[in-house]
Amino acid sequence: LVDVLMSHRQLQRKNKVILGILEYISVNGLVHPLERILHDVANFTARQHSEVALRARQILISYQTPSFQQRTKTLEAVLQAANQETEVAKRRDALRPIVTQSEG
């Protein structure tokens, strides 16, 4: 019982350590090899772990979102392809990736 009480009292300290580890993972590009673990941490549901779970979710979202430069290049390529089409139907089809990507 004493061990459980001591462990609970040190929960804030443990959460700070875990937040530091999560920040290290994020800054040093270690998300990919630890993605499964980050998903597990992001799924913590207990209130006392909410800050840790939130930070893990934020790291995963940031990792899975293409960079601004990548999105710009993709958009430029799609728009250039659509601009080269002369028929309206083909132009619409060329622009479809932009529409379907924004819906998903």
N, C-alpha and C. Protein backbone atom coordinates (compact mmCIF):
# COMPACT_ATOMS: atom_id res chain seq x y z
N LEU A 1 0.83 -1.20 0.00
CA LEU A 1 0.00 0.00 0.00
C LEU A 1 0.87 1.26 0.00
N VAL A 2 1.94 1.23 0.77
CA VAL A 2 2.84 2.37 0.85
C VAL A 2 3.48 2.64 -0.52
N ASP A 3 3.84 1.57 -1.22
CA ASP A 3 4.44 1.72 -2.55
C ASP A 3 3.47 2.39 -3.51
N VAL A 4 2.21 2.00 -3.45
CA VAL A 4 1.19 2.59 -4.33
C VAL A 4 1.02 4.08 -4.01
N LEU A 5 0.95 4.42 -2.73
CA LEU A 5 0.80 5.82 -2.33
C LEU A 5 2.00 6.64 -2.76
N MET A 6 3.19 6.13 -2.60
CA MET A 6 4.40 6.84 -3.01
C MET A 6 4.43 7.02 -4.53
N SER A 7 4.05 6.00 -5.22
CA SER A 7 4.03 6.07 -6.67
C SER A 7 3.03 7.12 -7.15
N HIS A 8 1.88 7.15 -6.52
CA HIS A 8 0.85 8.13 -6.89
C HIS A 8 1.32 9.56 -6.60
N ARG A 9 1.99 9.73 -5.49
CA ARG A 9 2.49 11.06 -5.13
C ARG A 9 3.54 11.55 -6.13
N GLN A 10 4.24 10.65 -6.72
CA GLN A 10 5.29 11.03 -7.66
C GLN A 10 4.78 11.08 -9.10
N LEU A 11 3.49 10.99 -9.28
CA LEU A 11 2.91 10.96 -10.62
C LEU A 11 3.22 12.22 -11.42
N GLN A 12 3.14 13.38 -10.80
CA GLN A 12 3.45 14.63 -11.52
C GLN A 12 4.90 14.63 -11.99
N ARG A 13 5.78 14.17 -11.16
CA ARG A 13 7.19 14.09 -11.54
C ARG A 13 7.38 13.12 -12.70
N LYS A 14 6.71 12.00 -12.64
CA LYS A 14 6.81 11.01 -13.72
C LYS A 14 6.26 11.58 -15.02
N ASN A 15 5.14 12.28 -14.93
CA ASN A 15 4.56 12.90 -16.13
C ASN A 15 5.52 13.91 -16.74
N LYS A 16 6.21 14.70 -15.91
CA LYS A 16 7.18 15.67 -16.42
C LYS A 16 8.33 14.97 -17.13
N VAL A 17 8.77 13.86 -16.58
CA VAL A 17 9.84 13.09 -17.21
C VAL A 17 9.37 12.56 -18.56
N ILE A 18 8.16 12.03 -18.60
CA ILE A 18 7.62 11.50 -19.85
C ILE A 18 7.45 12.61 -20.88
N LEU A 19 6.98 13.79 -20.45
CA LEU A 19 6.86 14.93 -21.36
C LEU A 19 8.22 15.32 -21.92
N GLY A 20 9.24 15.27 -21.09
CA GLY A 20 10.60 15.55 -21.57
C GLY A 20 11.06 14.54 -22.60
N ILE A 21 10.75 13.28 -22.36
CA ILE A 21 11.10 12.22 -23.31
C ILE A 21 10.35 12.41 -24.62
N LEU A 22 9.06 12.75 -24.53
CA LEU A 22 8.27 13.00 -25.74
C LEU A 22 8.85 14.17 -26.54
N GLU A 23 9.27 15.20 -25.85
CA GLU A 23 9.86 16.36 -26.54
C GLU A 23 11.16 15.95 -27.22
N TYR A 24 11.97 15.15 -26.56
CA TYR A 24 13.22 14.65 -27.14
C TYR A 24 12.92 13.84 -28.41
N ILE A 25 11.92 12.99 -28.34
CA ILE A 25 11.53 12.18 -29.49
C ILE A 25 11.13 13.08 -30.65
N SER A 26 10.33 14.10 -30.36
CA SER A 26 9.84 15.00 -31.39
C SER A 26 10.97 15.81 -32.03
N VAL A 27 11.81 16.41 -31.21
CA VAL A 27 12.88 17.29 -31.70
C VAL A 27 13.95 16.52 -32.47
N ASN A 28 14.21 15.31 -32.07
CA ASN A 28 15.30 14.54 -32.67
C ASN A 28 14.86 13.58 -33.77
N GLY A 29 13.63 13.73 -34.23
CA GLY A 29 13.16 12.93 -35.36
C GLY A 29 13.07 11.44 -35.09
N LEU A 30 12.68 11.08 -33.89
CA LEU A 30 12.58 9.66 -33.53
C LEU A 30 11.14 9.15 -33.56
N VAL A 31 10.26 9.91 -34.18
CA VAL A 31 8.84 9.55 -34.17
C VAL A 31 8.60 8.25 -34.92
N HIS A 32 9.19 8.11 -36.09
CA HIS A 32 8.90 6.92 -36.92
C HIS A 32 9.18 5.60 -36.19
N PRO A 33 10.37 5.41 -35.62
CA PRO A 33 10.59 4.12 -34.96
C PRO A 33 9.76 3.91 -33.69
N LEU A 34 9.24 5.00 -33.14
CA LEU A 34 8.48 4.90 -31.88
C LEU A 34 7.00 5.20 -32.08
N GLU A 35 6.55 5.18 -33.33
CA GLU A 35 5.17 5.56 -33.63
C GLU A 35 4.14 4.70 -32.89
N ARG A 36 4.36 3.41 -32.84
CA ARG A 36 3.42 2.50 -32.15
C ARG A 36 3.32 2.85 -30.67
N ILE A 37 4.45 3.12 -30.05
CA ILE A 37 4.45 3.48 -28.63
C ILE A 37 3.74 4.82 -28.43
N LEU A 38 3.98 5.76 -29.32
CA LEU A 38 3.31 7.06 -29.22
C LEU A 38 1.80 6.91 -29.35
N HIS A 39 1.35 6.01 -30.22
CA HIS A 39 -0.10 5.74 -30.32
C HIS A 39 -0.63 5.20 -29.00
N ASP A 40 0.12 4.30 -28.40
CA ASP A 40 -0.31 3.74 -27.11
C ASP A 40 -0.40 4.83 -26.04
N VAL A 41 0.59 5.70 -25.99
CA VAL A 41 0.59 6.79 -25.00
C VAL A 41 -0.55 7.76 -25.31
N ALA A 42 -0.78 8.04 -26.58
CA ALA A 42 -1.85 8.96 -26.96
C ALA A 42 -3.23 8.42 -26.56
N ASN A 43 -3.33 7.13 -26.39
CA ASN A 43 -4.61 6.51 -26.01
C ASN A 43 -4.81 6.40 -24.50
N PHE A 44 -3.90 6.95 -23.71
CA PHE A 44 -4.12 6.99 -22.26
C PHE A 44 -5.41 7.76 -22.00
N THR A 45 -6.25 7.24 -21.14
CA THR A 45 -7.54 7.89 -20.89
C THR A 45 -7.68 8.47 -19.48
N ALA A 46 -6.83 8.07 -18.59
CA ALA A 46 -6.94 8.57 -17.21
C ALA A 46 -6.66 10.07 -17.16
N ARG A 47 -7.42 10.77 -16.37
CA ARG A 47 -7.29 12.22 -16.26
C ARG A 47 -5.87 12.63 -15.87
N GLN A 48 -5.25 11.88 -14.99
CA GLN A 48 -3.93 12.25 -14.53
C GLN A 48 -2.85 12.11 -15.61
N HIS A 49 -3.20 11.45 -16.72
CA HIS A 49 -2.25 11.30 -17.83
C HIS A 49 -2.66 12.13 -19.05
N SER A 50 -3.63 13.01 -18.90
CA SER A 50 -4.18 13.72 -20.05
C SER A 50 -3.14 14.61 -20.74
N GLU A 51 -2.28 15.25 -19.98
CA GLU A 51 -1.26 16.12 -20.59
C GLU A 51 -0.27 15.30 -21.42
N VAL A 52 0.12 14.15 -20.91
CA VAL A 52 1.04 13.27 -21.62
C VAL A 52 0.37 12.73 -22.89
N ALA A 53 -0.86 12.30 -22.77
CA ALA A 53 -1.59 11.77 -23.93
C ALA A 53 -1.77 12.85 -25.00
N LEU A 54 -2.09 14.05 -24.57
CA LEU A 54 -2.28 15.15 -25.51
C LEU A 54 -0.98 15.44 -26.27
N ARG A 55 0.13 15.50 -25.57
CA ARG A 55 1.41 15.78 -26.23
C ARG A 55 1.77 14.68 -27.21
N ALA A 56 1.51 13.43 -26.87
CA ALA A 56 1.78 12.33 -27.79
C ALA A 56 0.92 12.47 -29.05
N ARG A 57 -0.36 12.84 -28.87
CA ARG A 57 -1.24 13.06 -30.02
C ARG A 57 -0.72 14.19 -30.91
N GLN A 58 -0.31 15.28 -30.28
CA GLN A 58 0.21 16.42 -31.04
C GLN A 58 1.44 16.03 -31.86
N ILE A 59 2.31 15.25 -31.28
CA ILE A 59 3.52 14.81 -31.99
C ILE A 59 3.14 13.93 -33.17
N LEU A 60 2.20 13.02 -32.97
CA LEU A 60 1.76 12.15 -34.07
C LEU A 60 1.11 12.94 -35.19
N ILE A 61 0.27 13.89 -34.84
CA ILE A 61 -0.40 14.73 -35.86
C ILE A 61 0.64 15.51 -36.64
N SER A 62 1.59 16.10 -35.95
CA SER A 62 2.64 16.86 -36.61
C SER A 62 3.46 15.98 -37.54
N TYR A 63 3.75 14.78 -37.11
CA TYR A 63 4.54 13.83 -37.92
C TYR A 63 3.78 13.40 -39.17
N GLN A 64 2.47 13.22 -39.05
CA GLN A 64 1.67 12.71 -40.15
C GLN A 64 1.23 13.79 -41.13
N THR A 65 1.38 15.05 -40.75
CA THR A 65 0.97 16.15 -41.61
C THR A 65 2.14 16.54 -42.51
N PRO A 66 1.92 16.58 -43.82
CA PRO A 66 3.03 16.99 -44.70
C PRO A 66 3.45 18.43 -44.40
N SER A 67 4.70 18.72 -44.67
CA SER A 67 5.19 20.07 -44.42
C SER A 67 4.51 21.05 -45.38
N PHE A 68 4.60 22.32 -45.05
CA PHE A 68 4.02 23.36 -45.89
C PHE A 68 4.64 23.31 -47.29
N GLN A 69 5.95 23.10 -47.36
CA GLN A 69 6.62 23.03 -48.66
C GLN A 69 6.12 21.84 -49.47
N GLN A 70 5.94 20.69 -48.84
CA GLN A 70 5.44 19.52 -49.55
C GLN A 70 4.03 19.77 -50.08
N ARG A 71 3.18 20.38 -49.26
CA ARG A 71 1.82 20.66 -49.70
C ARG A 71 1.81 21.67 -50.83
N THR A 72 2.68 22.67 -50.77
CA THR A 72 2.76 23.69 -51.82
C THR A 72 3.20 23.06 -53.14
N LYS A 73 4.22 22.21 -53.09
CA LYS A 73 4.70 21.55 -54.31
C LYS A 73 3.60 20.67 -54.93
N THR A 74 2.90 19.94 -54.09
CA THR A 74 1.81 19.09 -54.59
C THR A 74 0.73 19.92 -55.23
N LEU A 75 0.34 20.99 -54.59
CA LEU A 75 -0.70 21.87 -55.12
C LEU A 75 -0.26 22.49 -56.44
N GLU A 76 0.98 22.95 -56.51
CA GLU A 76 1.49 23.53 -57.76
C GLU A 76 1.45 22.52 -58.89
N ALA A 77 1.86 21.29 -58.61
CA ALA A 77 1.88 20.25 -59.65
C ALA A 77 0.48 19.97 -60.16
N VAL A 78 -0.49 19.88 -59.26
CA VAL A 78 -1.88 19.61 -59.65
C VAL A 78 -2.43 20.77 -60.47
N LEU A 79 -2.17 21.99 -60.03
CA LEU A 79 -2.68 23.16 -60.76
C LEU A 79 -2.03 23.28 -62.14
N GLN A 80 -0.76 23.00 -62.24
CA GLN A 80 -0.10 23.05 -63.54
C GLN A 80 -0.66 21.98 -64.48
N ALA A 81 -0.91 20.80 -63.96
CA ALA A 81 -1.48 19.74 -64.78
C ALA A 81 -2.88 20.12 -65.25
N ALA A 82 -3.66 20.72 -64.37
CA ALA A 82 -5.01 21.13 -64.74
C ALA A 82 -4.97 22.26 -65.76
N ASN A 83 -4.03 23.16 -65.63
CA ASN A 83 -3.92 24.30 -66.53
C ASN A 83 -3.54 23.86 -67.95
N GLN A 84 -2.86 22.74 -68.07
CA GLN A 84 -2.45 22.25 -69.38
C GLN A 84 -3.59 21.57 -70.14
N GLU A 85 -4.63 21.20 -69.44
CA GLU A 85 -5.77 20.55 -70.08
C GLU A 85 -6.62 21.60 -70.78
N THR A 86 -7.12 21.23 -71.96
CA THR A 86 -7.95 22.17 -72.71
C THR A 86 -9.44 21.92 -72.51
N GLU A 87 -9.81 20.69 -72.24
CA GLU A 87 -11.23 20.37 -72.05
C GLU A 87 -11.60 20.57 -70.57
N VAL A 88 -12.81 21.09 -70.37
CA VAL A 88 -13.29 21.37 -69.02
C VAL A 88 -13.35 20.09 -68.19
N ALA A 89 -13.84 19.02 -68.77
CA ALA A 89 -13.97 17.75 -68.02
C ALA A 89 -12.60 17.23 -67.58
N LYS A 90 -11.62 17.34 -68.46
CA LYS A 90 -10.27 16.87 -68.11
C LYS A 90 -9.64 17.78 -67.05
N ARG A 91 -9.95 19.07 -67.14
CA ARG A 91 -9.45 20.01 -66.14
C ARG A 91 -10.04 19.68 -64.77
N ARG A 92 -11.34 19.40 -64.75
CA ARG A 92 -12.02 19.05 -63.50
C ARG A 92 -11.41 17.77 -62.93
N ASP A 93 -11.15 16.79 -63.79
CA ASP A 93 -10.54 15.55 -63.31
C ASP A 93 -9.13 15.77 -62.77
N ALA A 94 -8.40 16.70 -63.40
CA ALA A 94 -7.05 16.99 -62.94
C ALA A 94 -7.06 17.68 -61.57
N LEU A 95 -8.12 18.43 -61.29
CA LEU A 95 -8.24 19.13 -60.01
C LEU A 95 -8.85 18.27 -58.90
N ARG A 96 -9.38 17.12 -59.26
CA ARG A 96 -10.04 16.25 -58.29
C ARG A 96 -9.17 15.90 -57.08
N PRO A 97 -7.84 15.66 -57.24
CA PRO A 97 -7.04 15.35 -56.04
C PRO A 97 -7.07 16.44 -54.98
N ILE A 98 -7.17 17.68 -55.39
CA ILE A 98 -7.23 18.77 -54.41
C ILE A 98 -8.55 18.68 -53.64
N VAL A 99 -9.62 18.45 -54.35
CA VAL A 99 -10.94 18.41 -53.71
C VAL A 99 -11.05 17.20 -52.78
N THR A 100 -10.64 16.03 -53.26
CA THR A 100 -10.76 14.83 -52.43
C THR A 100 -9.83 14.89 -51.24
N GLN A 101 -8.66 15.52 -51.38
CA GLN A 101 -7.73 15.63 -50.26
C GLN A 101 -8.29 16.57 -49.19
N SER A 102 -8.95 17.64 -49.59
CA SER A 102 -9.48 18.56 -48.60
C SER A 102 -10.72 18.01 -47.90
N GLU A 103 -11.39 17.05 -48.52
CA GLU A 103 -12.56 16.43 -47.89
C GLU A 103 -12.17 15.37 -46.88
N GLY A 104 -11.00 14.74 -47.05
CA GLY A 104 -10.58 13.65 -46.20
C GLY A 104 -9.96 14.11 -44.98
